[in-house]
């Protein structure tokens, strides 16, 4: 989601890390939703249909959170890592932006088998299933 970086002003910390905080908001909301639905599965007496729906919701939100934290452009992880790098390394890292969508497709299709075990580990930890 695009945002206007000029809306983040104030002290040097906000100017340097404001974009990373904005980028981290999306995956953190995904994790929060996964925790809410996962704890409902874990602690509430729910009918099987609702457990199944909540489980799918947890899996989708965990998948989105982990996928968006991968540090390739234009994903949120790229903006977070970029804010943490020194300026000289950031300039080199920003050159990846032109290959961003190709890298996203490579990760989404070719490397998903390495990412999906992390998703399922997170889902099991949240839901207890």
N, C-alpha and C. Protein backbone atom coordinates (compact mmCIF):
# COMPACT_ATOMS: atom_id res chain seq x y z
N UNK A 1 0.84 -1.16 0.00
CA UNK A 1 0.00 0.00 0.00
C UNK A 1 0.89 1.23 0.00
N UNK A 2 0.76 2.09 -0.97
CA UNK A 2 1.60 3.29 -0.99
C UNK A 2 1.21 4.26 0.13
N UNK A 3 2.20 4.98 0.58
CA UNK A 3 1.97 6.02 1.58
C UNK A 3 2.86 7.20 1.21
N UNK A 4 2.55 8.34 1.77
CA UNK A 4 3.31 9.54 1.49
C UNK A 4 4.38 9.69 2.59
N UNK A 5 5.67 9.50 2.25
CA UNK A 5 6.71 9.59 3.27
C UNK A 5 6.82 10.98 3.90
N UNK A 6 6.29 11.99 3.24
CA UNK A 6 6.34 13.34 3.81
C UNK A 6 5.38 13.49 4.99
N UNK A 7 4.46 12.53 5.13
CA UNK A 7 3.57 12.56 6.28
C UNK A 7 4.28 12.07 7.54
N UNK A 8 5.43 11.45 7.38
CA UNK A 8 6.21 10.99 8.52
C UNK A 8 7.32 12.01 8.76
N UNK A 9 7.06 12.91 9.64
CA UNK A 9 8.08 13.92 9.95
C UNK A 9 8.14 14.09 11.45
N UNK A 10 9.16 14.68 11.85
CA UNK A 10 9.39 14.87 13.28
C UNK A 10 10.87 14.77 13.55
N UNK A 11 11.24 13.89 14.44
CA UNK A 11 12.66 13.76 14.78
C UNK A 11 13.36 12.84 13.79
N UNK A 12 14.66 12.70 13.96
CA UNK A 12 15.48 11.89 13.04
C UNK A 12 15.05 10.43 13.05
N UNK A 13 14.64 9.92 14.22
CA UNK A 13 14.22 8.52 14.32
C UNK A 13 13.02 8.26 13.41
N UNK A 14 12.02 9.13 13.49
CA UNK A 14 10.83 8.95 12.66
C UNK A 14 11.17 9.05 11.18
N UNK A 15 12.06 9.98 10.83
CA UNK A 15 12.42 10.13 9.43
C UNK A 15 13.18 8.92 8.91
N UNK A 16 14.03 8.34 9.75
CA UNK A 16 14.84 7.20 9.32
C UNK A 16 14.04 5.89 9.33
N UNK A 17 13.27 5.66 10.39
CA UNK A 17 12.60 4.38 10.57
C UNK A 17 11.09 4.43 10.37
N UNK A 18 10.55 5.58 10.03
CA UNK A 18 9.10 5.71 9.84
C UNK A 18 8.56 4.79 8.76
N UNK A 19 9.28 4.69 7.64
CA UNK A 19 8.85 3.79 6.58
C UNK A 19 8.86 2.35 7.00
N UNK A 20 9.84 1.97 7.81
CA UNK A 20 9.90 0.59 8.31
C UNK A 20 8.73 0.31 9.26
N UNK A 21 8.36 1.29 10.07
CA UNK A 21 7.23 1.10 10.97
C UNK A 21 5.93 0.97 10.20
N UNK A 22 5.77 1.77 9.15
CA UNK A 22 4.58 1.66 8.29
C UNK A 22 4.56 0.29 7.62
N UNK A 23 5.71 -0.16 7.13
CA UNK A 23 5.80 -1.46 6.46
C UNK A 23 5.52 -2.60 7.42
N UNK A 24 5.95 -2.47 8.66
CA UNK A 24 5.75 -3.54 9.65
C UNK A 24 4.30 -3.63 10.12
N UNK A 25 3.53 -2.58 9.92
CA UNK A 25 2.15 -2.57 10.41
C UNK A 25 1.31 -3.67 9.76
N UNK A 26 1.45 -3.89 8.47
CA UNK A 26 0.66 -4.89 7.77
C UNK A 26 0.90 -6.30 8.30
N UNK A 27 2.16 -6.77 8.31
CA UNK A 27 2.40 -8.11 8.85
C UNK A 27 2.03 -8.25 10.33
N UNK A 28 2.17 -7.18 11.09
CA UNK A 28 1.81 -7.26 12.51
C UNK A 28 0.30 -7.41 12.67
N UNK A 29 -0.48 -6.77 11.82
CA UNK A 29 -1.94 -6.95 11.86
C UNK A 29 -2.29 -8.38 11.47
N UNK A 30 -1.59 -8.92 10.47
CA UNK A 30 -1.82 -10.32 10.09
C UNK A 30 -1.54 -11.25 11.26
N UNK A 31 -0.45 -11.02 11.97
CA UNK A 31 -0.11 -11.86 13.12
C UNK A 31 -1.14 -11.68 14.23
N UNK A 32 -1.57 -10.46 14.47
CA UNK A 32 -2.58 -10.21 15.50
C UNK A 32 -3.88 -10.94 15.17
N UNK A 33 -4.32 -10.88 13.92
CA UNK A 33 -5.54 -11.59 13.53
C UNK A 33 -5.37 -13.11 13.68
N UNK A 34 -4.20 -13.60 13.30
CA UNK A 34 -3.93 -15.04 13.45
C UNK A 34 -3.97 -15.43 14.93
N UNK A 35 -3.43 -14.61 15.80
CA UNK A 35 -3.45 -14.90 17.23
C UNK A 35 -4.88 -14.88 17.77
N UNK A 36 -5.67 -13.91 17.38
CA UNK A 36 -7.06 -13.83 17.86
C UNK A 36 -7.84 -15.07 17.45
N UNK A 37 -7.79 -15.42 16.15
CA UNK A 37 -8.54 -16.58 15.68
C UNK A 37 -7.94 -17.88 16.21
N UNK A 38 -6.60 -17.92 16.34
CA UNK A 38 -5.96 -19.12 16.87
C UNK A 38 -6.29 -19.35 18.33
N UNK A 39 -6.33 -18.30 19.12
CA UNK A 39 -6.69 -18.46 20.52
C UNK A 39 -8.16 -18.84 20.66
N UNK A 40 -9.00 -18.38 19.74
CA UNK A 40 -10.40 -18.81 19.75
C UNK A 40 -10.48 -20.31 19.52
N UNK A 41 -9.68 -20.82 18.59
CA UNK A 41 -9.64 -22.27 18.33
C UNK A 41 -9.16 -23.00 19.58
N UNK A 42 -8.14 -22.44 20.20
CA UNK A 42 -7.49 -23.13 21.32
C UNK A 42 -8.34 -23.11 22.59
N UNK A 43 -9.04 -22.01 22.85
CA UNK A 43 -9.65 -21.84 24.17
C UNK A 43 -11.18 -21.80 24.19
N UNK A 44 -11.82 -21.73 23.03
CA UNK A 44 -13.29 -21.66 23.02
C UNK A 44 -13.88 -22.96 22.51
N UNK A 45 -15.01 -23.38 23.07
CA UNK A 45 -15.69 -24.57 22.54
C UNK A 45 -16.44 -24.19 21.26
N UNK A 46 -15.88 -24.50 20.13
CA UNK A 46 -16.44 -24.11 18.84
C UNK A 46 -16.91 -25.35 18.08
N UNK A 47 -17.95 -25.18 17.25
CA UNK A 47 -18.35 -26.30 16.38
C UNK A 47 -17.26 -26.56 15.33
N UNK A 48 -17.19 -27.80 14.82
CA UNK A 48 -16.12 -28.15 13.86
C UNK A 48 -16.05 -27.25 12.63
N UNK A 49 -17.20 -26.80 12.13
CA UNK A 49 -17.20 -25.94 10.95
C UNK A 49 -16.53 -24.60 11.24
N UNK A 50 -16.78 -24.08 12.43
CA UNK A 50 -16.17 -22.81 12.80
C UNK A 50 -14.68 -22.98 13.05
N UNK A 51 -14.28 -24.10 13.63
CA UNK A 51 -12.85 -24.37 13.83
C UNK A 51 -12.14 -24.41 12.48
N UNK A 52 -12.77 -25.07 11.51
CA UNK A 52 -12.18 -25.15 10.18
C UNK A 52 -12.05 -23.77 9.54
N UNK A 53 -13.08 -22.94 9.65
CA UNK A 53 -13.03 -21.59 9.11
C UNK A 53 -11.95 -20.76 9.80
N UNK A 54 -11.90 -20.83 11.13
CA UNK A 54 -10.89 -20.08 11.87
C UNK A 54 -9.49 -20.55 11.53
N UNK A 55 -9.33 -21.87 11.34
CA UNK A 55 -8.01 -22.41 10.98
C UNK A 55 -7.54 -21.88 9.63
N UNK A 56 -8.44 -21.84 8.67
CA UNK A 56 -8.10 -21.28 7.36
C UNK A 56 -7.72 -19.81 7.49
N UNK A 57 -8.43 -19.08 8.34
CA UNK A 57 -8.11 -17.67 8.58
C UNK A 57 -6.72 -17.53 9.19
N UNK A 58 -6.37 -18.39 10.13
CA UNK A 58 -5.04 -18.35 10.75
C UNK A 58 -3.97 -18.67 9.70
N UNK A 59 -4.20 -19.69 8.89
CA UNK A 59 -3.21 -20.06 7.87
C UNK A 59 -3.00 -18.93 6.87
N UNK A 60 -4.07 -18.32 6.41
CA UNK A 60 -3.95 -17.22 5.45
C UNK A 60 -3.19 -16.05 6.05
N UNK A 61 -3.53 -15.67 7.28
CA UNK A 61 -2.86 -14.52 7.90
C UNK A 61 -1.40 -14.81 8.21
N UNK A 62 -1.08 -16.01 8.64
CA UNK A 62 0.33 -16.36 8.87
C UNK A 62 1.10 -16.38 7.55
N UNK A 63 0.48 -16.90 6.51
CA UNK A 63 1.12 -16.91 5.19
C UNK A 63 1.40 -15.49 4.70
N UNK A 64 0.42 -14.63 4.82
CA UNK A 64 0.61 -13.25 4.38
C UNK A 64 1.70 -12.55 5.19
N UNK A 65 1.71 -12.77 6.50
CA UNK A 65 2.70 -12.11 7.35
C UNK A 65 4.11 -12.56 6.98
N UNK A 66 4.32 -13.86 6.88
CA UNK A 66 5.66 -14.36 6.58
C UNK A 66 6.08 -13.98 5.17
N UNK A 67 5.17 -14.12 4.22
CA UNK A 67 5.50 -13.77 2.84
C UNK A 67 5.86 -12.29 2.72
N UNK A 68 5.08 -11.42 3.37
CA UNK A 68 5.36 -9.99 3.28
C UNK A 68 6.62 -9.57 4.00
N UNK A 69 7.13 -10.39 4.90
CA UNK A 69 8.37 -10.05 5.60
C UNK A 69 9.61 -10.50 4.85
N UNK A 70 9.45 -11.17 3.72
CA UNK A 70 10.61 -11.55 2.90
C UNK A 70 11.22 -10.26 2.34
N UNK A 71 12.52 -10.08 2.50
CA UNK A 71 13.13 -8.78 2.14
C UNK A 71 13.45 -8.60 0.66
N UNK A 72 12.41 -8.71 -0.17
CA UNK A 72 12.57 -8.39 -1.59
C UNK A 72 11.54 -7.33 -1.95
N UNK A 73 11.91 -6.42 -2.83
CA UNK A 73 10.96 -5.37 -3.20
C UNK A 73 9.83 -5.97 -4.03
N UNK A 74 8.67 -5.52 -3.94
CA UNK A 74 8.09 -4.41 -3.17
C UNK A 74 7.47 -4.84 -1.85
N UNK A 75 7.85 -6.00 -1.33
CA UNK A 75 7.26 -6.50 -0.10
C UNK A 75 7.71 -5.68 1.12
N UNK A 76 6.96 -5.81 2.20
CA UNK A 76 7.24 -5.01 3.40
C UNK A 76 8.60 -5.29 4.01
N UNK A 77 9.06 -6.52 3.91
CA UNK A 77 10.37 -6.87 4.45
C UNK A 77 11.49 -6.07 3.81
N UNK A 78 11.32 -5.73 2.55
CA UNK A 78 12.31 -4.90 1.86
C UNK A 78 12.42 -3.52 2.51
N UNK A 79 11.28 -2.92 2.81
CA UNK A 79 11.28 -1.58 3.41
C UNK A 79 11.86 -1.62 4.83
N UNK A 80 11.58 -2.69 5.54
CA UNK A 80 12.11 -2.82 6.90
C UNK A 80 13.63 -2.98 6.86
N UNK A 81 14.12 -3.89 6.02
CA UNK A 81 15.56 -4.11 5.92
C UNK A 81 16.26 -2.87 5.38
N UNK A 82 15.66 -2.22 4.42
CA UNK A 82 16.25 -1.02 3.84
C UNK A 82 16.46 0.07 4.89
N UNK A 83 15.52 0.21 5.81
CA UNK A 83 15.65 1.23 6.86
C UNK A 83 16.76 0.87 7.84
N UNK A 84 17.05 -0.42 7.99
CA UNK A 84 18.07 -0.84 8.95
C UNK A 84 19.48 -0.82 8.38
N UNK A 85 19.61 -0.80 7.06
CA UNK A 85 20.93 -0.82 6.44
C UNK A 85 21.60 0.54 6.49
N UNK A 86 22.93 0.57 6.52
CA UNK A 86 23.63 1.84 6.37
C UNK A 86 23.37 2.41 4.98
N UNK A 87 23.54 3.71 4.83
CA UNK A 87 23.19 4.39 3.58
C UNK A 87 23.93 3.79 2.39
N UNK A 88 25.20 3.47 2.52
CA UNK A 88 25.95 2.92 1.39
C UNK A 88 25.39 1.57 0.95
N UNK A 89 25.06 0.71 1.90
CA UNK A 89 24.49 -0.59 1.56
C UNK A 89 23.06 -0.44 1.05
N UNK A 90 22.35 0.54 1.57
CA UNK A 90 20.97 0.77 1.14
C UNK A 90 20.91 1.14 -0.34
N UNK A 91 21.86 1.93 -0.80
CA UNK A 91 21.88 2.32 -2.22
C UNK A 91 22.06 1.10 -3.12
N UNK A 92 22.93 0.19 -2.72
CA UNK A 92 23.14 -1.04 -3.49
C UNK A 92 21.88 -1.90 -3.42
N UNK A 93 21.31 -2.02 -2.25
CA UNK A 93 20.12 -2.85 -2.03
C UNK A 93 18.92 -2.32 -2.82
N UNK A 94 18.80 -1.01 -2.94
CA UNK A 94 17.68 -0.40 -3.65
C UNK A 94 17.69 -0.73 -5.14
N UNK A 95 18.83 -1.15 -5.67
CA UNK A 95 18.90 -1.52 -7.08
C UNK A 95 18.08 -2.77 -7.38
N UNK A 96 17.79 -3.55 -6.36
CA UNK A 96 16.95 -4.74 -6.54
C UNK A 96 15.53 -4.39 -6.94
N UNK A 97 15.14 -3.15 -6.70
CA UNK A 97 13.76 -2.76 -6.93
C UNK A 97 13.32 -3.02 -8.37
N UNK A 98 14.22 -2.85 -9.32
CA UNK A 98 13.85 -3.06 -10.71
C UNK A 98 13.54 -4.52 -11.02
N UNK A 99 14.01 -5.45 -10.19
CA UNK A 99 13.75 -6.87 -10.39
C UNK A 99 12.72 -7.40 -9.40
N UNK A 100 12.07 -6.51 -8.67
CA UNK A 100 11.20 -6.90 -7.57
C UNK A 100 10.10 -7.88 -7.93
N UNK A 101 9.34 -7.58 -8.96
CA UNK A 101 8.21 -8.45 -9.28
C UNK A 101 8.66 -9.82 -9.78
N UNK A 102 9.77 -9.87 -10.48
CA UNK A 102 10.32 -11.16 -10.91
C UNK A 102 10.74 -11.96 -9.67
N UNK A 103 11.40 -11.31 -8.73
CA UNK A 103 11.81 -12.00 -7.50
C UNK A 103 10.61 -12.47 -6.68
N UNK A 104 9.54 -11.69 -6.65
CA UNK A 104 8.33 -12.09 -5.93
C UNK A 104 7.76 -13.36 -6.54
N UNK A 105 7.70 -13.43 -7.86
CA UNK A 105 7.18 -14.63 -8.51
C UNK A 105 8.08 -15.84 -8.28
N UNK A 106 9.37 -15.62 -8.30
CA UNK A 106 10.30 -16.72 -8.03
C UNK A 106 10.08 -17.27 -6.62
N UNK A 107 9.97 -16.37 -5.65
CA UNK A 107 9.75 -16.80 -4.27
C UNK A 107 8.38 -17.46 -4.13
N UNK A 108 7.37 -16.86 -4.75
CA UNK A 108 6.01 -17.38 -4.60
C UNK A 108 5.87 -18.78 -5.17
N UNK A 109 6.53 -19.05 -6.28
CA UNK A 109 6.33 -20.35 -6.93
C UNK A 109 7.47 -21.34 -6.68
N UNK A 110 8.68 -20.90 -6.73
CA UNK A 110 9.80 -21.82 -6.64
C UNK A 110 10.25 -22.07 -5.20
N UNK A 111 10.20 -21.05 -4.36
CA UNK A 111 10.73 -21.19 -3.01
C UNK A 111 9.66 -21.36 -1.94
N UNK A 112 8.39 -21.47 -2.35
CA UNK A 112 7.33 -21.56 -1.37
C UNK A 112 7.47 -22.82 -0.51
N UNK A 113 8.05 -23.87 -1.05
CA UNK A 113 8.21 -25.10 -0.26
C UNK A 113 9.14 -24.89 0.93
N UNK A 114 9.98 -23.86 0.89
CA UNK A 114 10.85 -23.55 2.02
C UNK A 114 10.15 -22.61 3.01
N UNK A 115 9.21 -21.82 2.50
CA UNK A 115 8.50 -20.86 3.35
C UNK A 115 7.32 -21.54 4.05
N UNK A 116 6.66 -22.48 3.38
CA UNK A 116 5.46 -23.09 3.96
C UNK A 116 5.71 -23.84 5.27
N UNK A 117 6.86 -24.50 5.49
CA UNK A 117 7.07 -25.10 6.81
C UNK A 117 7.12 -24.05 7.94
N UNK A 118 7.63 -22.87 7.65
CA UNK A 118 7.63 -21.81 8.66
C UNK A 118 6.20 -21.38 8.97
N UNK A 119 5.37 -21.30 7.93
CA UNK A 119 3.97 -20.93 8.12
C UNK A 119 3.28 -21.96 9.01
N UNK A 120 3.46 -23.24 8.69
CA UNK A 120 2.77 -24.27 9.46
C UNK A 120 3.30 -24.36 10.90
N UNK A 121 4.57 -24.08 11.10
CA UNK A 121 5.12 -24.05 12.45
C UNK A 121 4.46 -22.93 13.26
N UNK A 122 4.31 -21.77 12.65
CA UNK A 122 3.65 -20.65 13.30
C UNK A 122 2.18 -20.96 13.58
N UNK A 123 1.50 -21.58 12.61
CA UNK A 123 0.09 -21.95 12.79
C UNK A 123 -0.05 -22.94 13.95
N UNK A 124 0.81 -23.93 14.00
CA UNK A 124 0.74 -24.91 15.10
C UNK A 124 1.01 -24.25 16.45
N UNK A 125 1.96 -23.33 16.47
CA UNK A 125 2.25 -22.63 17.72
C UNK A 125 1.11 -21.78 18.21
N UNK A 126 0.40 -21.17 17.29
CA UNK A 126 -0.72 -20.30 17.67
C UNK A 126 -1.96 -21.11 18.06
N UNK A 127 -2.29 -22.12 17.24
CA UNK A 127 -3.54 -22.84 17.46
C UNK A 127 -3.40 -24.03 18.41
N UNK A 128 -2.21 -24.58 18.52
CA UNK A 128 -2.03 -25.77 19.32
C UNK A 128 -2.46 -27.05 18.63
N UNK A 129 -2.79 -26.96 17.34
CA UNK A 129 -3.24 -28.14 16.58
C UNK A 129 -2.06 -28.85 15.95
